[in-house]
Amino acid sequence: MAADEPPEGDSTKPECFVILPIGATNSDVRKRSNQIFRHVITAAVQPLGYEVTRGDTLEQSGQISLQMVEKLLNAELVVARLVDRIYK
């Protein structure tokens, strides 16, 4: 870490909070959400200077917790994909 970088977890970057369907481990839902997170959302917003946080990585993930509500209210940008349906 360079001397002028903030310590990990103490970022001064604006936050992009992401909520995606989770699904069971190794399920198609989980795999698709991981791909959307990495290759679409993160690839689009990180170059703009955002720190990307995913809802299912929060300490209290699973249910809608106070921590998640705070992220929804305070993040500079929120991206939410609430359904896992592919329209053809």
Protein backbone atom coordinates (compact mmCIF):
# COMPACT_ATOMS: atom_id res chain seq x y z
CA MET A 1 0.00 0.00 0.00
CA ALA A 2 1.35 3.40 -0.94
CA ALA A 3 1.70 6.05 1.75
CA ASP A 4 -0.98 8.24 0.17
CA GLU A 5 -3.60 5.46 -0.08
CA PRO A 6 -6.23 5.10 2.67
CA PRO A 7 -6.10 1.85 4.67
CA GLU A 8 -8.30 -0.95 3.32
CA GLY A 9 -11.89 -0.51 4.47
CA ASP A 10 -11.31 3.22 5.04
CA SER A 11 -11.93 4.31 1.48
CA THR A 12 -12.63 7.91 0.60
CA LYS A 13 -14.14 6.83 -2.73
CA PRO A 14 -17.88 7.19 -3.30
CA GLU A 15 -19.73 3.92 -2.74
CA CYS A 16 -21.73 1.91 -5.24
CA PHE A 17 -23.91 -0.56 -3.33
CA VAL A 18 -25.08 -3.57 -5.36
CA ILE A 19 -27.95 -5.95 -4.63
CA LEU A 20 -28.32 -9.06 -6.78
CA PRO A 21 -30.16 -12.39 -6.46
CA ILE A 22 -27.93 -14.79 -4.52
CA GLY A 23 -29.19 -18.33 -5.10
CA ALA A 24 -27.60 -21.48 -3.74
CA THR A 25 -23.86 -22.05 -4.02
CA ASN A 26 -22.95 -23.10 -7.59
CA SER A 27 -26.52 -22.50 -8.81
CA ASP A 28 -27.20 -20.85 -12.16
CA VAL A 29 -28.64 -17.87 -10.28
CA ARG A 30 -25.42 -17.42 -8.28
CA LYS A 31 -23.19 -17.86 -11.33
CA ARG A 32 -25.20 -15.34 -13.37
CA SER A 33 -25.20 -12.81 -10.52
CA ASN A 34 -21.44 -13.19 -10.08
CA GLN A 35 -20.90 -12.59 -13.80
CA ILE A 36 -23.18 -9.53 -13.82
CA PHE A 37 -21.40 -8.16 -10.75
CA ARG A 38 -17.87 -8.65 -12.12
CA HIS A 39 -18.24 -8.09 -15.83
CA VAL A 40 -21.01 -5.51 -16.02
CA ILE A 41 -21.47 -3.50 -12.83
CA THR A 42 -17.94 -3.47 -11.41
CA ALA A 43 -16.42 -3.01 -14.86
CA ALA A 44 -18.68 0.01 -15.44
CA VAL A 45 -18.41 1.86 -12.12
CA GLN A 46 -14.88 1.20 -10.82
CA PRO A 47 -13.27 3.23 -13.63
CA LEU A 48 -15.53 6.10 -12.53
CA GLY A 49 -13.94 6.01 -9.07
CA TYR A 50 -16.54 4.07 -7.10
CA GLU A 51 -15.82 1.53 -4.36
CA VAL A 52 -18.18 -1.37 -5.18
CA THR A 53 -19.89 -3.18 -2.29
CA ARG A 54 -22.16 -6.17 -2.79
CA GLY A 55 -25.15 -6.76 -0.49
CA ASP A 56 -24.43 -10.43 0.15
CA THR A 57 -20.92 -9.64 1.42
CA LEU A 58 -22.18 -7.57 4.36
CA GLU A 59 -21.63 -9.00 7.83
CA GLN A 60 -25.39 -9.29 8.35
CA SER A 61 -26.36 -10.57 4.89
CA GLY A 62 -29.39 -12.80 4.36
CA GLN A 63 -32.25 -10.68 5.63
CA ILE A 64 -32.76 -6.99 5.10
CA SER A 65 -30.76 -5.74 8.06
CA LEU A 66 -30.18 -2.29 9.46
CA GLN A 67 -26.74 -2.43 7.86
CA MET A 68 -28.31 -2.97 4.42
CA VAL A 69 -30.84 -0.18 4.92
CA GLU A 70 -28.00 2.18 5.89
CA LYS A 71 -26.12 1.25 2.71
CA LEU A 72 -29.24 1.87 0.62
CA LEU A 73 -29.74 5.29 2.19
CA ASN A 74 -26.11 6.43 2.25
CA ALA A 75 -24.41 5.03 -0.86
CA GLU A 76 -23.86 7.55 -3.62
CA LEU A 77 -25.04 4.97 -6.17
CA VAL A 78 -27.25 1.88 -5.76
CA VAL A 79 -27.63 -0.82 -8.41
CA ALA A 80 -30.31 -3.42 -7.70
CA ARG A 81 -31.37 -6.38 -9.77
CA LEU A 82 -34.23 -7.81 -7.77
CA VAL A 83 -35.41 -10.64 -10.00
CA ASP A 84 -33.57 -13.45 -11.66
CA ARG A 85 -35.47 -13.76 -14.85
CA ILE A 86 -34.08 -13.70 -18.34
CA TYR A 87 -36.52 -12.31 -20.88
CA LYS A 88 -36.21 -13.69 -24.41
